[in-house]
């Protein structure tokens, strides 16, 4: 992903994995002053806890969709942030 392109990411954007839609962005985690993207919190649904997706898993941001290099199974095993 190009440096700074995380700034295109917004809460509510759809997250697409390698084999399915995974959820939506709940919050972008970045240090904007240093232009360092850490990742984002993803919501799987209304009644599930948000999980952290590391920034190095993002492959692109296109047409309002964040693409990540993980499957639905991998996303199901992510844990809530501590």
PDB file of N, CA and C in Angstrom:
ATOM      1  N   UNK A   1       0.848  -1.172   0.000  1.00  0.00           N
ATOM      2  CA  UNK A   1       0.000   0.000   0.000  1.00  0.00           C
ATOM      3  C   UNK A   1       0.893   1.234   0.000  1.00  0.00           C
ATOM      4  N   UNK A   2       0.523   2.209  -0.764  1.00  0.00           N
ATOM      5  CA  UNK A   2       1.312   3.440  -0.848  1.00  0.00           C
ATOM      6  C   UNK A   2       1.285   4.212   0.463  1.00  0.00           C
ATOM      7  N   UNK A   3       2.400   4.829   0.783  1.00  0.00           N
ATOM      8  CA  UNK A   3       2.502   5.640   1.990  1.00  0.00           C
ATOM      9  C   UNK A   3       1.443   6.744   1.959  1.00  0.00           C
ATOM     10  N   UNK A   4       0.731   6.890   3.053  1.00  0.00           N
ATOM     11  CA  UNK A   4      -0.286   7.926   3.148  1.00  0.00           C
ATOM     12  C   UNK A   4      -1.644   7.530   2.607  1.00  0.00           C
ATOM     13  N   UNK A   5      -1.734   6.398   1.885  1.00  0.00           N
ATOM     14  CA  UNK A   5      -3.028   6.030   1.317  1.00  0.00           C
ATOM     15  C   UNK A   5      -4.009   5.566   2.387  1.00  0.00           C
ATOM     16  N   UNK A   6      -3.505   5.278   3.592  1.00  0.00           N
ATOM     17  CA  UNK A   6      -4.421   4.938   4.690  1.00  0.00           C
ATOM     18  C   UNK A   6      -5.356   6.106   4.988  1.00  0.00           C
ATOM     19  N   UNK A   7      -4.971   7.299   4.581  1.00  0.00           N
ATOM     20  CA  UNK A   7      -5.815   8.476   4.828  1.00  0.00           C
ATOM     21  C   UNK A   7      -7.121   8.424   4.036  1.00  0.00           C
ATOM     22  N   UNK A   8      -7.202   7.531   3.069  1.00  0.00           N
ATOM     23  CA  UNK A   8      -8.440   7.332   2.307  1.00  0.00           C
ATOM     24  C   UNK A   8      -9.434   6.475   3.082  1.00  0.00           C
ATOM     25  N   UNK A   9      -8.958   5.820   4.134  1.00  0.00           N
ATOM     26  CA  UNK A   9      -9.793   4.905   4.911  1.00  0.00           C
ATOM     27  C   UNK A   9     -10.634   5.674   5.920  1.00  0.00           C
ATOM     28  N   UNK A  10     -11.906   5.264   6.040  1.00  0.00           N
ATOM     29  CA  UNK A  10     -12.836   5.924   6.959  1.00  0.00           C
ATOM     30  C   UNK A  10     -13.704   4.883   7.643  1.00  0.00           C
ATOM     31  N   UNK A  11     -14.171   5.184   8.853  1.00  0.00           N
ATOM     32  CA  UNK A  11     -15.117   4.292   9.506  1.00  0.00           C
ATOM     33  C   UNK A  11     -16.324   4.040   8.598  1.00  0.00           C
ATOM     34  N   UNK A  12     -16.776   2.800   8.607  1.00  0.00           N
ATOM     35  CA  UNK A  12     -17.918   2.405   7.793  1.00  0.00           C
ATOM     36  C   UNK A  12     -17.547   1.795   6.458  1.00  0.00           C
ATOM     37  N   UNK A  13     -16.289   1.960   6.032  1.00  0.00           N
ATOM     38  CA  UNK A  13     -15.874   1.376   4.756  1.00  0.00           C
ATOM     39  C   UNK A  13     -15.875  -0.142   4.856  1.00  0.00           C
ATOM     40  N   UNK A  14     -16.237  -0.781   3.756  1.00  0.00           N
ATOM     41  CA  UNK A  14     -16.278  -2.240   3.676  1.00  0.00           C
ATOM     42  C   UNK A  14     -14.853  -2.791   3.622  1.00  0.00           C
ATOM     43  N   UNK A  15     -14.644  -3.943   4.283  1.00  0.00           N
ATOM     44  CA  UNK A  15     -13.360  -4.630   4.273  1.00  0.00           C
ATOM     45  C   UNK A  15     -13.543  -5.945   3.525  1.00  0.00           C
ATOM     46  N   UNK A  16     -12.751  -6.134   2.483  1.00  0.00           N
ATOM     47  CA  UNK A  16     -12.852  -7.328   1.633  1.00  0.00           C
ATOM     48  C   UNK A  16     -11.596  -8.166   1.803  1.00  0.00           C
ATOM     49  N   UNK A  17     -11.771  -9.445   2.144  1.00  0.00           N
ATOM     50  CA  UNK A  17     -10.664 -10.377   2.265  1.00  0.00           C
ATOM     51  C   UNK A  17     -10.428 -11.114   0.963  1.00  0.00           C
ATOM     52  N   UNK A  18      -9.623 -12.157   1.026  1.00  0.00           N
ATOM     53  CA  UNK A  18      -9.294 -12.917  -0.173  1.00  0.00           C
ATOM     54  C   UNK A  18     -10.448 -13.765  -0.675  1.00  0.00           C
ATOM     55  N   UNK A  19     -11.398 -14.074   0.223  1.00  0.00           N
ATOM     56  CA  UNK A  19     -12.494 -14.952  -0.186  1.00  0.00           C
ATOM     57  C   UNK A  19     -13.885 -14.466   0.202  1.00  0.00           C
ATOM     58  N   UNK A  20     -13.975 -13.299   0.862  1.00  0.00           N
ATOM     59  CA  UNK A  20     -15.295 -12.829   1.304  1.00  0.00           C
ATOM     60  C   UNK A  20     -15.209 -11.419   1.859  1.00  0.00           C
ATOM     61  N   UNK A  21     -16.363 -10.778   2.002  1.00  0.00           N
ATOM     62  CA  UNK A  21     -16.434  -9.535   2.760  1.00  0.00           C
ATOM     63  C   UNK A  21     -16.249  -9.899   4.224  1.00  0.00           C
ATOM     64  N   UNK A  22     -15.433  -9.129   4.939  1.00  0.00           N
ATOM     65  CA  UNK A  22     -15.087  -9.472   6.316  1.00  0.00           C
ATOM     66  C   UNK A  22     -15.759  -8.594   7.351  1.00  0.00           C
ATOM     67  N   UNK A  23     -16.148  -7.399   6.992  1.00  0.00           N
ATOM     68  CA  UNK A  23     -16.753  -6.480   7.942  1.00  0.00           C
ATOM     69  C   UNK A  23     -16.591  -5.053   7.470  1.00  0.00           C
ATOM     70  N   UNK A  24     -16.583  -4.131   8.431  1.00  0.00           N
ATOM     71  CA  UNK A  24     -16.409  -2.718   8.116  1.00  0.00           C
ATOM     72  C   UNK A  24     -15.390  -2.108   9.068  1.00  0.00           C
ATOM     73  N   UNK A  25     -14.805  -1.011   8.644  1.00  0.00           N
ATOM     74  CA  UNK A  25     -13.852  -0.300   9.493  1.00  0.00           C
ATOM     75  C   UNK A  25     -14.605   0.404  10.614  1.00  0.00           C
ATOM     76  N   UNK A  26     -14.151   0.184  11.839  1.00  0.00           N
ATOM     77  CA  UNK A  26     -14.714   0.880  12.997  1.00  0.00           C
ATOM     78  C   UNK A  26     -13.857   2.087  13.346  1.00  0.00           C
ATOM     79  N   UNK A  27     -12.526   1.944  13.193  1.00  0.00           N
ATOM     80  CA  UNK A  27     -11.604   3.037  13.536  1.00  0.00           C
ATOM     81  C   UNK A  27     -10.256   2.794  12.872  1.00  0.00           C
ATOM     82  N   UNK A  28      -9.676   3.825  12.309  1.00  0.00           N
ATOM     83  CA  UNK A  28      -8.326   3.750  11.739  1.00  0.00           C
ATOM     84  C   UNK A  28      -7.338   4.062  12.861  1.00  0.00           C
ATOM     85  N   UNK A  29      -6.282   3.259  12.971  1.00  0.00           N
ATOM     86  CA  UNK A  29      -5.275   3.436  14.006  1.00  0.00           C
ATOM     87  C   UNK A  29      -3.987   3.900  13.338  1.00  0.00           C
ATOM     88  N   UNK A  30      -3.645   5.192  13.543  1.00  0.00           N
ATOM     89  CA  UNK A  30      -2.472   5.767  12.898  1.00  0.00           C
ATOM     90  C   UNK A  30      -1.937   6.923  13.713  1.00  0.00           C
ATOM     91  N   UNK A  31      -0.672   7.198  13.498  1.00  0.00           N
ATOM     92  CA  UNK A  31      -0.037   8.389  14.047  1.00  0.00           C
ATOM     93  C   UNK A  31       0.093   9.346  12.874  1.00  0.00           C
ATOM     94  N   UNK A  32      -0.897  10.199  12.703  1.00  0.00           N
ATOM     95  CA  UNK A  32      -0.941  11.094  11.554  1.00  0.00           C
ATOM     96  C   UNK A  32       0.202  12.079  11.491  1.00  0.00           C
ATOM     97  N   UNK A  33       0.701  12.511  12.662  1.00  0.00           N
ATOM     98  CA  UNK A  33       1.816  13.465  12.668  1.00  0.00           C
ATOM     99  C   UNK A  33       3.070  12.856  12.062  1.00  0.00           C
ATOM    100  N   UNK A  34       3.291  11.567  12.329  1.00  0.00           N
ATOM    101  CA  UNK A  34       4.476  10.894  11.805  1.00  0.00           C
ATOM    102  C   UNK A  34       4.165  10.119  10.525  1.00  0.00           C
ATOM    103  N   UNK A  35       2.908  10.164  10.081  1.00  0.00           N
ATOM    104  CA  UNK A  35       2.457   9.450   8.888  1.00  0.00           C
ATOM    105  C   UNK A  35       2.730   7.950   9.011  1.00  0.00           C
ATOM    106  N   UNK A  36       2.410   7.391  10.188  1.00  0.00           N
ATOM    107  CA  UNK A  36       2.606   5.968  10.431  1.00  0.00           C
ATOM    108  C   UNK A  36       1.240   5.310  10.603  1.00  0.00           C
ATOM    109  N   UNK A  37       0.935   4.372   9.739  1.00  0.00           N
ATOM    110  CA  UNK A  37      -0.318   3.624   9.770  1.00  0.00           C
ATOM    111  C   UNK A  37      -0.099   2.328  10.536  1.00  0.00           C
ATOM    112  N   UNK A  38      -0.839   2.129  11.603  1.00  0.00           N
ATOM    113  CA  UNK A  38      -0.693   0.922  12.440  1.00  0.00           C
ATOM    114  C   UNK A  38      -1.647  -0.191  12.001  1.00  0.00           C
ATOM    115  N   UNK A  39      -2.854   0.190  11.583  1.00  0.00           N
ATOM    116  CA  UNK A  39      -3.868  -0.781  11.211  1.00  0.00           C
ATOM    117  C   UNK A  39      -5.240  -0.184  11.434  1.00  0.00           C
ATOM    118  N   UNK A  40      -6.230  -1.041  11.629  1.00  0.00           N
ATOM    119  CA  UNK A  40      -7.567  -0.532  11.895  1.00  0.00           C
ATOM    120  C   UNK A  40      -8.353  -1.528  12.720  1.00  0.00           C
ATOM    121  N   UNK A  41      -9.375  -1.012  13.397  1.00  0.00           N
ATOM    122  CA  UNK A  41     -10.319  -1.858  14.108  1.00  0.00           C
ATOM    123  C   UNK A  41     -11.441  -2.185  13.146  1.00  0.00           C
ATOM    124  N   UNK A  42     -11.799  -3.464  13.097  1.00  0.00           N
ATOM    125  CA  UNK A  42     -12.833  -3.912  12.180  1.00  0.00           C
ATOM    126  C   UNK A  42     -14.008  -4.479  12.975  1.00  0.00           C
ATOM    127  N   UNK A  43     -15.190  -4.130  12.546  1.00  0.00           N
ATOM    128  CA  UNK A  43     -16.413  -4.658  13.128  1.00  0.00           C
ATOM    129  C   UNK A  43     -16.899  -5.801  12.247  1.00  0.00           C
ATOM    130  N   UNK A  44     -17.152  -6.953  12.873  1.00  0.00           N
ATOM    131  CA  UNK A  44     -17.720  -8.107  12.154  1.00  0.00           C
ATOM    132  C   UNK A  44     -19.231  -8.010  12.088  1.00  0.00           C
ATOM    133  N   UNK A  45     -19.806  -7.254  13.003  1.00  0.00           N
ATOM    134  CA  UNK A  45     -21.255  -7.144  13.053  1.00  0.00           C
ATOM    135  C   UNK A  45     -21.693  -6.435  14.313  1.00  0.00           C
ATOM    136  N   UNK A  46     -22.960  -6.227  14.413  1.00  0.00           N
ATOM    137  CA  UNK A  46     -23.527  -5.431  15.496  1.00  0.00           C
ATOM    138  C   UNK A  46     -23.223  -5.976  16.888  1.00  0.00           C
ATOM    139  N   UNK A  47     -23.216  -7.287  17.054  1.00  0.00           N
ATOM    140  CA  UNK A  47     -23.068  -7.861  18.388  1.00  0.00           C
ATOM    141  C   UNK A  47     -21.707  -8.518  18.632  1.00  0.00           C
ATOM    142  N   UNK A  48     -20.720  -8.197  17.828  1.00  0.00           N
ATOM    143  CA  UNK A  48     -19.391  -8.778  18.040  1.00  0.00           C
ATOM    144  C   UNK A  48     -18.397  -7.670  18.379  1.00  0.00           C
ATOM    145  N   UNK A  49     -17.352  -8.044  19.099  1.00  0.00           N
ATOM    146  CA  UNK A  49     -16.318  -7.080  19.477  1.00  0.00           C
ATOM    147  C   UNK A  49     -15.479  -6.712  18.256  1.00  0.00           C
ATOM    148  N   UNK A  50     -15.004  -5.479  18.223  1.00  0.00           N
ATOM    149  CA  UNK A  50     -14.103  -5.065  17.160  1.00  0.00           C
ATOM    150  C   UNK A  50     -12.788  -5.817  17.298  1.00  0.00           C
ATOM    151  N   UNK A  51     -12.149  -6.092  16.171  1.00  0.00           N
ATOM    152  CA  UNK A  51     -10.857  -6.763  16.161  1.00  0.00           C
ATOM    153  C   UNK A  51      -9.836  -5.877  15.460  1.00  0.00           C
ATOM    154  N   UNK A  52      -8.558  -6.078  15.789  1.00  0.00           N
ATOM    155  CA  UNK A  52      -7.489  -5.276  15.193  1.00  0.00           C
ATOM    156  C   UNK A  52      -6.939  -5.983  13.968  1.00  0.00           C
ATOM    157  N   UNK A  53      -6.863  -5.250  12.853  1.00  0.00           N
ATOM    158  CA  UNK A  53      -6.251  -5.740  11.618  1.00  0.00           C
ATOM    159  C   UNK A  53      -4.960  -4.955  11.419  1.00  0.00           C
ATOM    160  N   UNK A  54      -3.794  -5.631  11.452  1.00  0.00           N
ATOM    161  CA  UNK A  54      -2.519  -4.932  11.270  1.00  0.00           C
ATOM    162  C   UNK A  54      -2.426  -4.263   9.899  1.00  0.00           C
ATOM    163  N   UNK A  55      -1.790  -3.123   9.864  1.00  0.00           N
ATOM    164  CA  UNK A  55      -1.665  -2.362   8.632  1.00  0.00           C
ATOM    165  C   UNK A  55      -0.964  -3.093   7.509  1.00  0.00           C
ATOM    166  N   UNK A  56      -0.046  -4.007   7.857  1.00  0.00           N
ATOM    167  CA  UNK A  56       0.686  -4.712   6.799  1.00  0.00           C
ATOM    168  C   UNK A  56      -0.180  -5.745   6.074  1.00  0.00           C
ATOM    169  N   UNK A  57      -1.412  -5.951   6.540  1.00  0.00           N
ATOM    170  CA  UNK A  57      -2.329  -6.873   5.858  1.00  0.00           C
ATOM    171  C   UNK A  57      -3.173  -6.164   4.798  1.00  0.00           C
ATOM    172  N   UNK A  58      -3.131  -4.826   4.779  1.00  0.00           N
ATOM    173  CA  UNK A  58      -3.892  -4.058   3.782  1.00  0.00           C
ATOM    174  C   UNK A  58      -3.119  -4.072   2.466  1.00  0.00           C
ATOM    175  N   UNK A  59      -3.795  -4.474   1.398  1.00  0.00           N
ATOM    176  CA  UNK A  59      -3.149  -4.512   0.089  1.00  0.00           C
ATOM    177  C   UNK A  59      -3.520  -3.314  -0.776  1.00  0.00           C
ATOM    178  N   UNK A  60      -4.751  -2.805  -0.610  1.00  0.00           N
ATOM    179  CA  UNK A  60      -5.152  -1.636  -1.396  1.00  0.00           C
ATOM    180  C   UNK A  60      -6.433  -1.036  -0.831  1.00  0.00           C
ATOM    181  N   UNK A  61      -6.679   0.200  -1.253  1.00  0.00           N
ATOM    182  CA  UNK A  61      -7.928   0.895  -0.948  1.00  0.00           C
ATOM    183  C   UNK A  61      -8.446   1.390  -2.291  1.00  0.00           C
ATOM    184  N   UNK A  62      -9.549   0.789  -2.733  1.00  0.00           N
ATOM    185  CA  UNK A  62     -10.085   1.105  -4.060  1.00  0.00           C
ATOM    186  C   UNK A  62     -11.600   1.236  -4.008  1.00  0.00           C
ATOM    187  N   UNK A  63     -12.119   2.280  -4.614  1.00  0.00           N
ATOM    188  CA  UNK A  63     -13.566   2.473  -4.758  1.00  0.00           C
ATOM    189  C   UNK A  63     -14.315   2.308  -3.439  1.00  0.00           C
ATOM    190  N   UNK A  64     -13.741   2.835  -2.355  1.00  0.00           N
ATOM    191  CA  UNK A  64     -14.407   2.786  -1.064  1.00  0.00           C
ATOM    192  C   UNK A  64     -14.356   1.441  -0.368  1.00  0.00           C
ATOM    193  N   UNK A  65     -13.479   0.545  -0.832  1.00  0.00           N
ATOM    194  CA  UNK A  65     -13.330  -0.784  -0.239  1.00  0.00           C
ATOM    195  C   UNK A  65     -11.870  -0.981   0.156  1.00  0.00           C
ATOM    196  N   UNK A  66     -11.660  -1.477   1.372  1.00  0.00           N
ATOM    197  CA  UNK A  66     -10.314  -1.793   1.844  1.00  0.00           C
ATOM    198  C   UNK A  66     -10.080  -3.282   1.602  1.00  0.00           C
ATOM    199  N   UNK A  67      -9.047  -3.606   0.841  1.00  0.00           N
ATOM    200  CA  UNK A  67      -8.714  -4.996   0.528  1.00  0.00           C
ATOM    201  C   UNK A  67      -7.579  -5.452   1.433  1.00  0.00           C
ATOM    202  N   UNK A  68      -7.763  -6.639   2.033  1.00  0.00           N
ATOM    203  CA  UNK A  68      -6.746  -7.206   2.918  1.00  0.00           C
ATOM    204  C   UNK A  68      -6.384  -8.611   2.453  1.00  0.00           C
ATOM    205  N   UNK A  69      -5.166  -9.030   2.796  1.00  0.00           N
ATOM    206  CA  UNK A  69      -4.709 -10.359   2.386  1.00  0.00           C
ATOM    207  C   UNK A  69      -4.946 -11.380   3.496  1.00  0.00           C
ATOM    208  N   UNK A  70      -6.221 -11.566   3.818  1.00  0.00           N
ATOM    209  CA  UNK A  70      -6.594 -12.595   4.785  1.00  0.00           C
ATOM    210  C   UNK A  70      -7.946 -13.169   4.406  1.00  0.00           C
ATOM    211  N   UNK A  71      -8.121 -14.428   4.772  1.00  0.00           N
ATOM    212  CA  UNK A  71      -9.365 -15.126   4.478  1.00  0.00           C
ATOM    213  C   UNK A  71     -10.396 -14.880   5.579  1.00  0.00           C
ATOM    214  N   UNK A  72     -11.600 -15.322   5.340  1.00  0.00           N
ATOM    215  CA  UNK A  72     -12.655 -15.218   6.342  1.00  0.00           C
ATOM    216  C   UNK A  72     -12.255 -15.989   7.602  1.00  0.00           C
ATOM    217  N   UNK A  73     -11.635 -17.147   7.432  1.00  0.00           N
ATOM    218  CA  UNK A  73     -11.207 -17.956   8.574  1.00  0.00           C
ATOM    219  C   UNK A  73     -10.152 -17.222   9.409  1.00  0.00           C
ATOM    220  N   UNK A  74      -9.177 -16.608   8.734  1.00  0.00           N
ATOM    221  CA  UNK A  74      -8.160 -15.840   9.458  1.00  0.00           C
ATOM    222  C   UNK A  74      -8.799 -14.674  10.226  1.00  0.00           C
ATOM    223  N   UNK A  75      -9.716 -13.979   9.580  1.00  0.00           N
ATOM    224  CA  UNK A  75     -10.376 -12.836  10.220  1.00  0.00           C
ATOM    225  C   UNK A  75     -11.169 -13.279  11.449  1.00  0.00           C
ATOM    226  N   UNK A  76     -11.762 -14.473  11.379  1.00  0.00           N
ATOM    227  CA  UNK A  76     -12.544 -14.982  12.508  1.00  0.00           C
ATOM    228  C   UNK A  76     -11.657 -15.257  13.718  1.00  0.00           C
ATOM    229  N   UNK A  77     -10.355 -15.445  13.496  1.00  0.00           N
ATOM    230  CA  UNK A  77      -9.426 -15.739  14.589  1.00  0.00           C
ATOM    231  C   UNK A  77      -8.699 -14.505  15.133  1.00  0.00           C
ATOM    232  N   UNK A  78      -8.997 -13.318  14.576  1.00  0.00           N
ATOM    233  CA  UNK A  78      -8.401 -12.103  15.106  1.00  0.00           C
ATOM    234  C   UNK A  78      -9.005 -11.805  16.489  1.00  0.00           C
ATOM    235  N   UNK A  79      -8.250 -11.126  17.307  1.00  0.00           N
ATOM    236  CA  UNK A  79      -8.711 -10.857  18.663  1.00  0.00           C
ATOM    237  C   UNK A  79      -8.969  -9.369  18.865  1.00  0.00           C
ATOM    238  N   UNK A  80      -9.814  -9.043  19.843  1.00  0.00           N
ATOM    239  CA  UNK A  80     -10.029  -7.634  20.177  1.00  0.00           C
ATOM    240  C   UNK A  80      -8.734  -7.002  20.669  1.00  0.00           C
ATOM    241  N   UNK A  81      -8.544  -5.715  20.462  1.00  0.00           N
ATOM    242  CA  UNK A  81      -7.329  -5.047  20.928  1.00  0.00           C
ATOM    243  C   UNK A  81      -7.283  -5.028  22.456  1.00  0.00           C
ATOM    244  N   UNK A  82      -6.061  -4.975  22.978  1.00  0.00           N
ATOM    245  CA  UNK A  82      -5.897  -4.927  24.439  1.00  0.00           C
ATOM    246  C   UNK A  82      -5.468  -3.556  24.879  1.00  0.00           C
TER     247      UNK A  82
END
